[in-house]
């Protein structure tokens, strides 16, 4: 199921039954110019990503979770939704917020990355 209404620069990298991964401007945030970890990503998962080991498949009762990552350890927190459609709508809105510069990514970091912030500011109009 495709996600409609993604903001410019966001693309679906992987679309599986219980997990969708989106990336922002992989042409810019590549391993040549920035560390690979600096690729902004959004994960949409059925069930929490931090599921216990051995529990590979989500339960039908599990919620859908949306998380924006600036790096593997830097994220905006998980939001949960009852349906995949609701989560898709949130993903589309989140991509717009990000591109419009409405997400305070600087505030998520304990150790800033000035070059990374400068490029994100340039791309998001901040």
N, C-alpha and C. Protein backbone atom coordinates (compact mmCIF):
# COMPACT_ATOMS: atom_id res chain seq x y z
N UNK A 1 0.85 -1.18 0.00
CA UNK A 1 0.00 0.00 0.00
C UNK A 1 0.89 1.24 0.00
N UNK A 2 0.79 2.07 -1.01
CA UNK A 2 1.61 3.27 -1.13
C UNK A 2 1.15 4.34 -0.14
N UNK A 3 2.10 5.18 0.23
CA UNK A 3 1.78 6.30 1.12
C UNK A 3 1.61 7.53 0.24
N UNK A 4 0.41 8.08 0.24
CA UNK A 4 0.12 9.26 -0.57
C UNK A 4 0.52 10.53 0.16
N UNK A 5 0.90 11.54 -0.60
CA UNK A 5 1.13 12.87 -0.04
C UNK A 5 2.47 13.08 0.62
N UNK A 6 3.48 12.30 0.24
CA UNK A 6 4.81 12.51 0.82
C UNK A 6 5.39 13.83 0.32
N UNK A 7 6.07 14.54 1.21
CA UNK A 7 6.70 15.80 0.84
C UNK A 7 7.89 15.52 -0.09
N UNK A 8 8.23 16.53 -0.88
CA UNK A 8 9.34 16.42 -1.80
C UNK A 8 10.63 16.06 -1.06
N UNK A 9 11.38 15.14 -1.64
CA UNK A 9 12.65 14.73 -1.05
C UNK A 9 12.56 13.44 -0.26
N UNK A 10 11.35 13.04 0.14
CA UNK A 10 11.17 11.79 0.87
C UNK A 10 10.85 10.68 -0.11
N UNK A 11 11.47 9.53 0.07
CA UNK A 11 11.17 8.39 -0.78
C UNK A 11 11.08 7.11 0.05
N UNK A 12 10.26 6.20 -0.43
CA UNK A 12 10.10 4.92 0.24
C UNK A 12 11.28 4.04 -0.14
N UNK A 13 12.02 3.60 0.86
CA UNK A 13 13.18 2.74 0.64
C UNK A 13 12.79 1.28 0.71
N UNK A 14 11.85 0.97 1.57
CA UNK A 14 11.45 -0.41 1.77
C UNK A 14 9.98 -0.40 2.16
N UNK A 15 9.22 -1.33 1.59
CA UNK A 15 7.79 -1.41 1.90
C UNK A 15 7.43 -2.87 2.08
N UNK A 16 7.40 -3.30 3.33
CA UNK A 16 7.05 -4.67 3.67
C UNK A 16 5.70 -4.67 4.35
N UNK A 17 5.17 -5.84 4.59
CA UNK A 17 3.84 -5.94 5.18
C UNK A 17 3.75 -5.28 6.55
N UNK A 18 4.79 -5.40 7.37
CA UNK A 18 4.72 -4.84 8.72
C UNK A 18 5.76 -3.75 8.98
N UNK A 19 6.46 -3.30 7.92
CA UNK A 19 7.44 -2.23 8.13
C UNK A 19 7.66 -1.48 6.82
N UNK A 20 7.62 -0.13 6.93
CA UNK A 20 7.93 0.74 5.80
C UNK A 20 9.04 1.68 6.27
N UNK A 21 10.06 1.85 5.44
CA UNK A 21 11.16 2.75 5.76
C UNK A 21 11.22 3.81 4.67
N UNK A 22 11.24 5.08 5.11
CA UNK A 22 11.37 6.20 4.18
C UNK A 22 12.67 6.92 4.47
N UNK A 23 13.27 7.49 3.43
CA UNK A 23 14.53 8.22 3.58
C UNK A 23 14.38 9.61 2.98
N UNK A 24 15.06 10.57 3.59
CA UNK A 24 15.04 11.94 3.10
C UNK A 24 16.34 12.25 2.36
N UNK A 25 16.20 12.61 1.13
CA UNK A 25 17.30 13.06 0.28
C UNK A 25 18.55 12.18 0.37
N UNK A 26 18.41 10.90 0.04
CA UNK A 26 19.59 10.02 0.08
C UNK A 26 20.68 10.45 -0.90
N UNK A 27 20.31 11.29 -1.86
CA UNK A 27 21.32 11.83 -2.79
C UNK A 27 22.23 12.84 -2.09
N UNK A 28 21.75 13.47 -1.03
CA UNK A 28 22.52 14.47 -0.28
C UNK A 28 23.17 13.83 0.94
N UNK A 29 22.37 13.12 1.73
CA UNK A 29 22.86 12.53 2.97
C UNK A 29 23.39 11.13 2.70
N UNK A 30 24.46 11.10 1.95
CA UNK A 30 25.08 9.84 1.53
C UNK A 30 26.37 9.62 2.31
N UNK A 31 26.96 8.49 2.15
CA UNK A 31 28.17 8.16 2.91
C UNK A 31 29.38 8.95 2.45
N UNK A 32 29.32 9.58 1.29
CA UNK A 32 30.45 10.37 0.82
C UNK A 32 30.53 11.73 1.50
N UNK A 33 29.39 12.39 1.69
CA UNK A 33 29.37 13.74 2.24
C UNK A 33 29.03 13.80 3.73
N UNK A 34 28.29 12.82 4.21
CA UNK A 34 27.87 12.75 5.61
C UNK A 34 27.98 11.30 6.05
N UNK A 35 28.17 11.07 7.35
CA UNK A 35 28.17 9.68 7.82
C UNK A 35 26.84 9.00 7.47
N UNK A 36 26.89 7.72 7.19
CA UNK A 36 25.69 6.98 6.80
C UNK A 36 24.58 7.13 7.84
N UNK A 37 24.94 7.26 9.09
CA UNK A 37 23.95 7.39 10.16
C UNK A 37 23.15 8.67 10.07
N UNK A 38 23.62 9.65 9.31
CA UNK A 38 22.96 10.95 9.23
C UNK A 38 21.86 11.02 8.18
N UNK A 39 21.41 9.91 7.67
CA UNK A 39 20.32 9.90 6.71
C UNK A 39 19.00 9.96 7.48
N UNK A 40 18.26 11.08 7.39
CA UNK A 40 16.97 11.14 8.07
C UNK A 40 16.04 10.04 7.54
N UNK A 41 15.43 9.31 8.46
CA UNK A 41 14.54 8.22 8.07
C UNK A 41 13.27 8.25 8.93
N UNK A 42 12.22 7.72 8.35
CA UNK A 42 10.98 7.50 9.08
C UNK A 42 10.68 6.02 9.00
N UNK A 43 10.42 5.43 10.15
CA UNK A 43 10.02 4.03 10.23
C UNK A 43 8.54 3.97 10.58
N UNK A 44 7.82 3.17 9.84
CA UNK A 44 6.43 2.86 10.11
C UNK A 44 6.39 1.35 10.35
N UNK A 45 6.06 0.95 11.57
CA UNK A 45 6.12 -0.47 11.91
C UNK A 45 4.83 -0.94 12.58
N UNK A 46 4.51 -2.16 12.32
CA UNK A 46 3.40 -2.83 13.02
C UNK A 46 4.01 -3.43 14.28
N UNK A 47 3.68 -2.86 15.42
CA UNK A 47 4.32 -3.25 16.67
C UNK A 47 5.58 -2.42 16.87
N UNK A 48 6.01 -2.31 18.11
CA UNK A 48 7.19 -1.51 18.43
C UNK A 48 8.44 -2.12 17.82
N UNK A 49 9.34 -1.26 17.40
CA UNK A 49 10.61 -1.74 16.86
C UNK A 49 11.43 -2.44 17.92
N UNK A 50 11.21 -2.12 19.15
CA UNK A 50 11.99 -2.70 20.24
C UNK A 50 11.34 -3.98 20.77
N UNK A 51 10.65 -4.72 19.89
CA UNK A 51 10.03 -5.98 20.31
C UNK A 51 11.09 -6.92 20.89
N UNK A 52 10.64 -7.78 21.74
CA UNK A 52 11.55 -8.76 22.34
C UNK A 52 12.16 -9.65 21.25
N UNK A 53 13.43 -10.04 21.44
CA UNK A 53 14.04 -10.98 20.50
C UNK A 53 13.21 -12.26 20.43
N UNK A 54 13.13 -12.82 19.24
CA UNK A 54 12.37 -14.04 19.05
C UNK A 54 10.93 -13.80 18.66
N UNK A 55 10.48 -12.58 18.81
CA UNK A 55 9.11 -12.26 18.41
C UNK A 55 9.18 -11.53 17.07
N UNK A 56 9.36 -12.31 16.02
CA UNK A 56 9.59 -11.75 14.69
C UNK A 56 8.35 -11.13 14.07
N UNK A 57 7.22 -11.74 14.33
CA UNK A 57 6.00 -11.27 13.69
C UNK A 57 5.14 -10.51 14.67
N UNK A 58 4.63 -9.37 14.21
CA UNK A 58 3.73 -8.62 15.10
C UNK A 58 2.39 -9.33 15.24
N UNK A 59 1.76 -9.07 16.32
CA UNK A 59 0.42 -9.59 16.58
C UNK A 59 -0.59 -8.73 15.83
N UNK A 60 -1.72 -9.29 15.41
CA UNK A 60 -2.75 -8.47 14.76
C UNK A 60 -3.25 -7.34 15.66
N UNK A 61 -3.10 -7.52 16.98
CA UNK A 61 -3.56 -6.49 17.92
C UNK A 61 -2.54 -5.37 18.11
N UNK A 62 -1.33 -5.54 17.62
CA UNK A 62 -0.30 -4.50 17.77
C UNK A 62 -0.70 -3.23 17.05
N UNK A 63 -0.33 -2.11 17.63
CA UNK A 63 -0.56 -0.81 17.01
C UNK A 63 0.49 -0.59 15.91
N UNK A 64 0.26 0.43 15.11
CA UNK A 64 1.23 0.90 14.12
C UNK A 64 2.00 2.04 14.76
N UNK A 65 3.31 2.05 14.56
CA UNK A 65 4.18 3.08 15.15
C UNK A 65 4.90 3.85 14.06
N UNK A 66 5.03 5.16 14.30
CA UNK A 66 5.75 6.05 13.38
C UNK A 66 6.86 6.73 14.19
N UNK A 67 8.09 6.66 13.66
CA UNK A 67 9.24 7.27 14.32
C UNK A 67 10.12 7.94 13.29
N UNK A 68 10.47 9.20 13.54
CA UNK A 68 11.42 9.94 12.70
C UNK A 68 12.78 9.87 13.38
N UNK A 69 13.77 9.37 12.63
CA UNK A 69 15.14 9.29 13.12
C UNK A 69 16.02 10.27 12.36
N UNK A 70 16.87 10.99 13.11
CA UNK A 70 17.92 11.80 12.49
C UNK A 70 19.19 10.98 12.44
N UNK A 71 19.33 10.07 13.38
CA UNK A 71 20.41 9.10 13.47
C UNK A 71 19.83 7.93 14.28
N UNK A 72 20.51 6.79 14.30
CA UNK A 72 19.94 5.65 15.02
C UNK A 72 19.57 5.93 16.48
N UNK A 73 20.31 6.77 17.17
CA UNK A 73 20.03 7.06 18.57
C UNK A 73 19.36 8.43 18.77
N UNK A 74 19.00 9.09 17.69
CA UNK A 74 18.39 10.43 17.77
C UNK A 74 17.07 10.38 17.03
N UNK A 75 15.96 10.45 17.80
CA UNK A 75 14.65 10.37 17.18
C UNK A 75 13.66 11.29 17.89
N UNK A 76 12.50 11.43 17.27
CA UNK A 76 11.46 12.30 17.83
C UNK A 76 10.51 11.55 18.75
N UNK A 77 10.74 10.27 18.95
CA UNK A 77 9.85 9.46 19.77
C UNK A 77 8.83 8.74 18.91
N UNK A 78 8.30 7.66 19.43
CA UNK A 78 7.32 6.87 18.69
C UNK A 78 5.91 7.40 18.93
N UNK A 79 5.14 7.42 17.86
CA UNK A 79 3.71 7.74 17.95
C UNK A 79 2.97 6.47 17.53
N UNK A 80 1.88 6.15 18.20
CA UNK A 80 1.15 4.93 17.85
C UNK A 80 -0.22 5.25 17.27
N UNK A 81 -0.67 4.33 16.40
CA UNK A 81 -1.94 4.48 15.69
C UNK A 81 -2.63 3.13 15.61
N UNK A 82 -3.95 3.16 15.61
CA UNK A 82 -4.73 1.93 15.57
C UNK A 82 -4.75 1.27 14.20
N UNK A 83 -4.60 2.07 13.14
CA UNK A 83 -4.67 1.50 11.79
C UNK A 83 -3.49 1.94 10.93
N UNK A 84 -3.22 1.15 9.92
CA UNK A 84 -2.15 1.49 8.98
C UNK A 84 -2.49 2.79 8.24
N UNK A 85 -3.76 2.99 7.92
CA UNK A 85 -4.18 4.21 7.23
C UNK A 85 -3.89 5.45 8.07
N UNK A 86 -4.21 5.39 9.37
CA UNK A 86 -3.91 6.51 10.26
C UNK A 86 -2.41 6.77 10.31
N UNK A 87 -1.62 5.70 10.38
CA UNK A 87 -0.17 5.84 10.42
C UNK A 87 0.35 6.43 9.11
N UNK A 88 -0.21 6.00 7.98
CA UNK A 88 0.18 6.57 6.68
C UNK A 88 -0.09 8.07 6.65
N UNK A 89 -1.25 8.46 7.15
CA UNK A 89 -1.58 9.90 7.18
C UNK A 89 -0.59 10.66 8.04
N UNK A 90 -0.19 10.07 9.16
CA UNK A 90 0.79 10.74 10.03
C UNK A 90 2.15 10.83 9.34
N UNK A 91 2.55 9.78 8.64
CA UNK A 91 3.82 9.80 7.92
C UNK A 91 3.82 10.92 6.89
N UNK A 92 2.75 11.05 6.12
CA UNK A 92 2.66 12.12 5.12
C UNK A 92 2.76 13.49 5.78
N UNK A 93 2.05 13.68 6.89
CA UNK A 93 2.10 14.96 7.61
C UNK A 93 3.49 15.21 8.18
N UNK A 94 4.13 14.17 8.70
CA UNK A 94 5.46 14.30 9.28
C UNK A 94 6.49 14.70 8.22
N UNK A 95 6.37 14.12 7.02
CA UNK A 95 7.30 14.50 5.94
C UNK A 95 7.13 15.98 5.59
N UNK A 96 5.90 16.45 5.57
CA UNK A 96 5.63 17.88 5.30
C UNK A 96 6.21 18.76 6.40
N UNK A 97 5.98 18.38 7.65
CA UNK A 97 6.53 19.15 8.77
C UNK A 97 8.04 19.24 8.68
N UNK A 98 8.67 18.14 8.35
CA UNK A 98 10.12 18.10 8.26
C UNK A 98 10.62 19.03 7.16
N UNK A 99 10.05 18.90 5.97
CA UNK A 99 10.47 19.71 4.83
C UNK A 99 10.18 21.19 5.05
N UNK A 100 9.10 21.49 5.76
CA UNK A 100 8.74 22.88 6.04
C UNK A 100 9.58 23.49 7.16
N UNK A 101 10.46 22.69 7.78
CA UNK A 101 11.30 23.20 8.85
C UNK A 101 10.60 23.29 10.19
N UNK A 102 9.48 22.57 10.35
CA UNK A 102 8.70 22.63 11.58
C UNK A 102 9.14 21.63 12.65
N UNK A 103 10.20 20.88 12.38
CA UNK A 103 10.71 19.92 13.37
C UNK A 103 12.03 20.48 13.91
N UNK A 104 12.12 20.60 15.22
CA UNK A 104 13.32 21.14 15.86
C UNK A 104 14.35 20.02 16.02
N UNK A 105 15.03 19.68 14.93
CA UNK A 105 16.00 18.59 14.99
C UNK A 105 17.22 18.97 15.82
N UNK A 106 17.56 20.25 15.90
CA UNK A 106 18.70 20.67 16.73
C UNK A 106 18.46 20.33 18.19
N UNK A 107 17.24 20.48 18.65
CA UNK A 107 16.91 20.22 20.04
C UNK A 107 16.99 18.75 20.43
N UNK A 108 17.06 17.85 19.45
CA UNK A 108 17.13 16.42 19.73
C UNK A 108 18.56 15.95 20.03
N UNK A 109 19.54 16.78 19.71
CA UNK A 109 20.94 16.39 19.83
C UNK A 109 21.56 16.86 21.13
N UNK A 110 22.37 16.01 21.74
CA UNK A 110 23.19 16.42 22.89
C UNK A 110 24.53 16.95 22.38
N UNK A 111 25.07 16.33 21.32
CA UNK A 111 26.31 16.78 20.70
C UNK A 111 25.96 17.20 19.28
N UNK A 112 25.99 18.51 19.02
CA UNK A 112 25.56 18.99 17.71
C UNK A 112 26.49 18.58 16.57
N UNK A 113 25.94 18.58 15.37
CA UNK A 113 26.68 18.32 14.13
C UNK A 113 26.48 19.55 13.24
N UNK A 114 27.33 20.55 13.36
CA UNK A 114 27.12 21.81 12.65
C UNK A 114 26.96 21.68 11.13
N UNK A 115 27.79 20.88 10.47
CA UNK A 115 27.68 20.74 9.01
C UNK A 115 26.37 20.09 8.61
N UNK A 116 25.97 19.10 9.38
CA UNK A 116 24.71 18.40 9.13
C UNK A 116 23.54 19.36 9.32
N UNK A 117 23.54 20.10 10.43
CA UNK A 117 22.47 21.07 10.69
C UNK A 117 22.41 22.12 9.59
N UNK A 118 23.56 22.59 9.14
CA UNK A 118 23.59 23.61 8.09
C UNK A 118 22.92 23.09 6.82
N UNK A 119 23.21 21.85 6.45
CA UNK A 119 22.62 21.28 5.23
C UNK A 119 21.12 21.06 5.44
N UNK A 120 20.70 20.56 6.60
CA UNK A 120 19.27 20.38 6.86
C UNK A 120 18.57 21.75 6.83
N UNK A 121 19.19 22.77 7.43
CA UNK A 121 18.60 24.11 7.40
C UNK A 121 18.41 24.59 5.97
N UNK A 122 19.42 24.36 5.15
CA UNK A 122 19.35 24.79 3.75
C UNK A 122 18.22 24.08 3.00
N UNK A 123 18.10 22.78 3.20
CA UNK A 123 17.10 21.99 2.49
C UNK A 123 15.69 22.21 3.00
N UNK A 124 15.55 22.55 4.27
CA UNK A 124 14.22 22.72 4.84
C UNK A 124 13.82 24.18 4.99
N UNK A 125 14.62 25.10 4.48
CA UNK A 125 14.25 26.50 4.47
C UNK A 125 14.31 27.19 5.82
N UNK A 126 15.08 26.66 6.74
CA UNK A 126 15.21 27.29 8.06
C UNK A 126 16.21 28.40 8.01
